Structure formats: C-alpha cells, structure tokens
Amino acid sequence: MISLEAAIAEEQWELASLYLLLGMLRSALTVPEDALPGLLEALEGEAGG
C-alpha cells in the first residue's frame, strides 16, 4: 500500500487527502467525548480564518 509521503511525491492528491482524513478521524476517536464540541469549534475557527 502506498504511504502518504509517496502519494504526495507522486502527486496523487485524492489519495493524499484520504490519508489525511483518515488520520484526522483516528485522532478524533481518541478525544474524550465531552471534548469533541470544543475540538470541532477549534477546527471550525481554523477553517474560518
């Protein structure tokens, strides 16, 4: 299986974005349930500029 590093090097952007999404999902699953609203607010703030 190709790695994120290889996907970027080979400019396979769709695959690279899926790897990043998977990493975010795995990280979010480790966050305590009561902290998720704060995490989502922080991420929303980052996206909003």
PDB file of N, CA and C in Angstrom:
ATOM      1  N   MET A   1       0.833  -1.171   0.000  1.00  0.00           N
ATOM      2  CA  MET A   1       0.000   0.000   0.000  1.00  0.00           C
ATOM      3  C   MET A   1       0.886   1.246   0.000  1.00  0.00           C
ATOM      4  N   ILE A   2       0.498   2.230  -0.727  1.00  0.00           N
ATOM      5  CA  ILE A   2       1.250   3.470  -0.842  1.00  0.00           C
ATOM      6  C   ILE A   2       1.077   4.298   0.437  1.00  0.00           C
ATOM      7  N   SER A   3       2.105   5.043   0.824  1.00  0.00           N
ATOM      8  CA  SER A   3       2.044   5.862   2.032  1.00  0.00           C
ATOM      9  C   SER A   3       1.655   7.297   1.673  1.00  0.00           C
ATOM     10  N   LEU A   4       1.332   8.076   2.692  1.00  0.00           N
ATOM     11  CA  LEU A   4       1.015   9.497   2.474  1.00  0.00           C
ATOM     12  C   LEU A   4       2.186  10.195   1.796  1.00  0.00           C
ATOM     13  N   GLU A   5       3.378   9.914   2.270  1.00  0.00           N
ATOM     14  CA  GLU A   5       4.570  10.534   1.690  1.00  0.00           C
ATOM     15  C   GLU A   5       4.692  10.208   0.202  1.00  0.00           C
ATOM     16  N   ALA A   6       4.472   8.952  -0.153  1.00  0.00           N
ATOM     17  CA  ALA A   6       4.565   8.549  -1.557  1.00  0.00           C
ATOM     18  C   ALA A   6       3.438   9.155  -2.377  1.00  0.00           C
ATOM     19  N   ALA A   7       2.242   9.224  -1.808  1.00  0.00           N
ATOM     20  CA  ALA A   7       1.110   9.810  -2.529  1.00  0.00           C
ATOM     21  C   ALA A   7       1.397  11.268  -2.862  1.00  0.00           C
ATOM     22  N   ILE A   8       1.994  11.994  -1.913  1.00  0.00           N
ATOM     23  CA  ILE A   8       2.341  13.399  -2.167  1.00  0.00           C
ATOM     24  C   ILE A   8       3.451  13.485  -3.212  1.00  0.00           C
ATOM     25  N   ALA A   9       4.480  12.656  -3.053  1.00  0.00           N
ATOM     26  CA  ALA A   9       5.597  12.678  -4.001  1.00  0.00           C
ATOM     27  C   ALA A   9       5.133  12.370  -5.416  1.00  0.00           C
ATOM     28  N   GLU A  10       4.134  11.485  -5.526  1.00  0.00           N
ATOM     29  CA  GLU A  10       3.622  11.102  -6.850  1.00  0.00           C
ATOM     30  C   GLU A  10       2.443  11.971  -7.297  1.00  0.00           C
ATOM     31  N   GLU A  11       2.165  13.022  -6.489  1.00  0.00           N
ATOM     32  CA  GLU A  11       1.088  13.968  -6.788  1.00  0.00           C
ATOM     33  C   GLU A  11      -0.263  13.284  -6.955  1.00  0.00           C
ATOM     34  N   GLN A  12      -0.499  12.283  -6.115  1.00  0.00           N
ATOM     35  CA  GLN A  12      -1.798  11.609  -6.074  1.00  0.00           C
ATOM     36  C   GLN A  12      -2.610  12.294  -4.978  1.00  0.00           C
ATOM     37  N   TRP A  13      -3.133  13.470  -5.307  1.00  0.00           N
ATOM     38  CA  TRP A  13      -3.745  14.348  -4.319  1.00  0.00           C
ATOM     39  C   TRP A  13      -5.000  13.765  -3.679  1.00  0.00           C
ATOM     40  N   GLU A  14      -5.799  13.048  -4.451  1.00  0.00           N
ATOM     41  CA  GLU A  14      -7.003  12.456  -3.873  1.00  0.00           C
ATOM     42  C   GLU A  14      -6.636  11.431  -2.800  1.00  0.00           C
ATOM     43  N   LEU A  15      -5.654  10.595  -3.091  1.00  0.00           N
ATOM     44  CA  LEU A  15      -5.206   9.593  -2.134  1.00  0.00           C
ATOM     45  C   LEU A  15      -4.585  10.267  -0.917  1.00  0.00           C
ATOM     46  N   ALA A  16      -3.795  11.291  -1.134  1.00  0.00           N
ATOM     47  CA  ALA A  16      -3.178  12.011  -0.026  1.00  0.00           C
ATOM     48  C   ALA A  16      -4.254  12.622   0.875  1.00  0.00           C
ATOM     49  N   SER A  17      -5.288  13.179   0.278  1.00  0.00           N
ATOM     50  CA  SER A  17      -6.351  13.776   1.090  1.00  0.00           C
ATOM     51  C   SER A  17      -7.088  12.704   1.888  1.00  0.00           C
ATOM     52  N   LEU A  18      -7.263  11.525   1.327  1.00  0.00           N
ATOM     53  CA  LEU A  18      -7.902  10.438   2.073  1.00  0.00           C
ATOM     54  C   LEU A  18      -7.047   9.996   3.259  1.00  0.00           C
ATOM     55  N   TYR A  19      -5.735   9.938   3.065  1.00  0.00           N
ATOM     56  CA  TYR A  19      -4.835   9.603   4.172  1.00  0.00           C
ATOM     57  C   TYR A  19      -4.943  10.644   5.282  1.00  0.00           C
ATOM     58  N   LEU A  20      -5.001  11.921   4.906  1.00  0.00           N
ATOM     59  CA  LEU A  20      -5.111  12.973   5.908  1.00  0.00           C
ATOM     60  C   LEU A  20      -6.446  12.895   6.644  1.00  0.00           C
ATOM     61  N   LEU A  21      -7.506  12.630   5.913  1.00  0.00           N
ATOM     62  CA  LEU A  21      -8.818  12.484   6.525  1.00  0.00           C
ATOM     63  C   LEU A  21      -8.846  11.298   7.490  1.00  0.00           C
ATOM     64  N   LEU A  22      -8.246  10.198   7.094  1.00  0.00           N
ATOM     65  CA  LEU A  22      -8.170   9.026   7.955  1.00  0.00           C
ATOM     66  C   LEU A  22      -7.398   9.344   9.234  1.00  0.00           C
ATOM     67  N   GLY A  23      -6.325  10.081   9.110  1.00  0.00           N
ATOM     68  CA  GLY A  23      -5.548  10.479  10.282  1.00  0.00           C
ATOM     69  C   GLY A  23      -6.347  11.362  11.225  1.00  0.00           C
ATOM     70  N   MET A  24      -7.113  12.292  10.660  1.00  0.00           N
ATOM     71  CA  MET A  24      -7.959  13.148  11.489  1.00  0.00           C
ATOM     72  C   MET A  24      -9.022  12.330  12.203  1.00  0.00           C
ATOM     73  N   LEU A  25      -9.628  11.390  11.493  1.00  0.00           N
ATOM     74  CA  LEU A  25     -10.656  10.542  12.094  1.00  0.00           C
ATOM     75  C   LEU A  25     -10.074   9.716  13.236  1.00  0.00           C
ATOM     76  N   ARG A  26      -8.932   9.121  13.006  1.00  0.00           N
ATOM     77  CA  ARG A  26      -8.296   8.314  14.057  1.00  0.00           C
ATOM     78  C   ARG A  26      -7.962   9.173  15.271  1.00  0.00           C
ATOM     79  N   SER A  27      -7.507  10.392  15.047  1.00  0.00           N
ATOM     80  CA  SER A  27      -7.200  11.293  16.156  1.00  0.00           C
ATOM     81  C   SER A  27      -8.464  11.697  16.895  1.00  0.00           C
ATOM     82  N   ALA A  28      -9.521  12.009  16.159  1.00  0.00           N
ATOM     83  CA  ALA A  28     -10.779  12.417  16.781  1.00  0.00           C
ATOM     84  C   ALA A  28     -11.361  11.292  17.637  1.00  0.00           C
ATOM     85  N   LEU A  29     -11.136  10.061  17.240  1.00  0.00           N
ATOM     86  CA  LEU A  29     -11.658   8.928  18.008  1.00  0.00           C
ATOM     87  C   LEU A  29     -10.969   8.768  19.358  1.00  0.00           C
ATOM     88  N   THR A  30      -9.805   9.377  19.520  1.00  0.00           N
ATOM     89  CA  THR A  30      -9.081   9.280  20.786  1.00  0.00           C
ATOM     90  C   THR A  30      -9.435  10.417  21.740  1.00  0.00           C
ATOM     91  N   VAL A  31     -10.148  11.430  21.246  1.00  0.00           N
ATOM     92  CA  VAL A  31     -10.522  12.580  22.068  1.00  0.00           C
ATOM     93  C   VAL A  31     -11.697  12.180  22.960  1.00  0.00           C
ATOM     94  N   PRO A  32     -11.663  12.554  24.232  1.00  0.00           N
ATOM     95  CA  PRO A  32     -12.801  12.257  25.104  1.00  0.00           C
ATOM     96  C   PRO A  32     -14.093  12.849  24.529  1.00  0.00           C
ATOM     97  N   GLU A  33     -15.186  12.124  24.699  1.00  0.00           N
ATOM     98  CA  GLU A  33     -16.449  12.513  24.095  1.00  0.00           C
ATOM     99  C   GLU A  33     -16.879  13.932  24.473  1.00  0.00           C
ATOM    100  N   ASP A  34     -16.655  14.327  25.712  1.00  0.00           N
ATOM    101  CA  ASP A  34     -17.072  15.659  26.136  1.00  0.00           C
ATOM    102  C   ASP A  34     -16.190  16.768  25.571  1.00  0.00           C
ATOM    103  N   ALA A  35     -15.053  16.426  24.982  1.00  0.00           N
ATOM    104  CA  ALA A  35     -14.157  17.421  24.395  1.00  0.00           C
ATOM    105  C   ALA A  35     -14.423  17.648  22.910  1.00  0.00           C
ATOM    106  N   LEU A  36     -15.235  16.799  22.281  1.00  0.00           N
ATOM    107  CA  LEU A  36     -15.467  16.920  20.842  1.00  0.00           C
ATOM    108  C   LEU A  36     -16.063  18.263  20.425  1.00  0.00           C
ATOM    109  N   PRO A  37     -17.061  18.801  21.139  1.00  0.00           N
ATOM    110  CA  PRO A  37     -17.585  20.110  20.719  1.00  0.00           C
ATOM    111  C   PRO A  37     -16.495  21.190  20.672  1.00  0.00           C
ATOM    112  N   GLY A  38     -15.614  21.194  21.657  1.00  0.00           N
ATOM    113  CA  GLY A  38     -14.519  22.165  21.659  1.00  0.00           C
ATOM    114  C   GLY A  38     -13.552  21.939  20.512  1.00  0.00           C
ATOM    115  N   LEU A  39     -13.271  20.677  20.218  1.00  0.00           N
ATOM    116  CA  LEU A  39     -12.393  20.353  19.102  1.00  0.00           C
ATOM    117  C   LEU A  39     -12.996  20.833  17.785  1.00  0.00           C
ATOM    118  N   LEU A  40     -14.278  20.567  17.593  1.00  0.00           N
ATOM    119  CA  LEU A  40     -14.944  20.989  16.361  1.00  0.00           C
ATOM    120  C   LEU A  40     -14.980  22.510  16.236  1.00  0.00           C
ATOM    121  N   GLU A  41     -15.203  23.197  17.356  1.00  0.00           N
ATOM    122  CA  GLU A  41     -15.173  24.665  17.343  1.00  0.00           C
ATOM    123  C   GLU A  41     -13.799  25.175  16.947  1.00  0.00           C
ATOM    124  N   ALA A  42     -12.754  24.568  17.500  1.00  0.00           N
ATOM    125  CA  ALA A  42     -11.388  24.984  17.183  1.00  0.00           C
ATOM    126  C   ALA A  42     -11.088  24.754  15.707  1.00  0.00           C
ATOM    127  N   LEU A  43     -11.502  23.607  15.183  1.00  0.00           N
ATOM    128  CA  LEU A  43     -11.256  23.325  13.775  1.00  0.00           C
ATOM    129  C   LEU A  43     -12.054  24.261  12.887  1.00  0.00           C
ATOM    130  N   GLU A  44     -13.276  24.560  13.283  1.00  0.00           N
ATOM    131  CA  GLU A  44     -14.099  25.482  12.511  1.00  0.00           C
ATOM    132  C   GLU A  44     -13.471  26.871  12.491  1.00  0.00           C
ATOM    133  N   GLY A  45     -12.927  27.293  13.628  1.00  0.00           N
ATOM    134  CA  GLY A  45     -12.259  28.581  13.711  1.00  0.00           C
ATOM    135  C   GLY A  45     -11.036  28.646  12.807  1.00  0.00           C
ATOM    136  N   GLU A  46     -10.290  27.545  12.724  1.00  0.00           N
ATOM    137  CA  GLU A  46      -9.125  27.478  11.850  1.00  0.00           C
ATOM    138  C   GLU A  46      -9.536  27.616  10.397  1.00  0.00           C
ATOM    139  N   ALA A  47     -10.620  26.970  10.016  1.00  0.00           N
ATOM    140  CA  ALA A  47     -11.085  26.998   8.625  1.00  0.00           C
ATOM    141  C   ALA A  47     -11.642  28.376   8.277  1.00  0.00           C
ATOM    142  N   GLY A  48     -12.229  29.031   9.255  1.00  0.00           N
ATOM    143  CA  GLY A  48     -12.843  30.322   9.016  1.00  0.00           C
ATOM    144  C   GLY A  48     -11.851  31.467   8.895  1.00  0.00           C
ATOM    145  N   GLY A  49     -10.609  31.219   9.299  1.00  0.00           N
ATOM    146  CA  GLY A  49      -9.571  32.215   9.154  1.00  0.00           C
ATOM    147  C   GLY A  49      -9.449  33.018  10.362  1.00  0.00           C
TER     148      GLY A  49
END
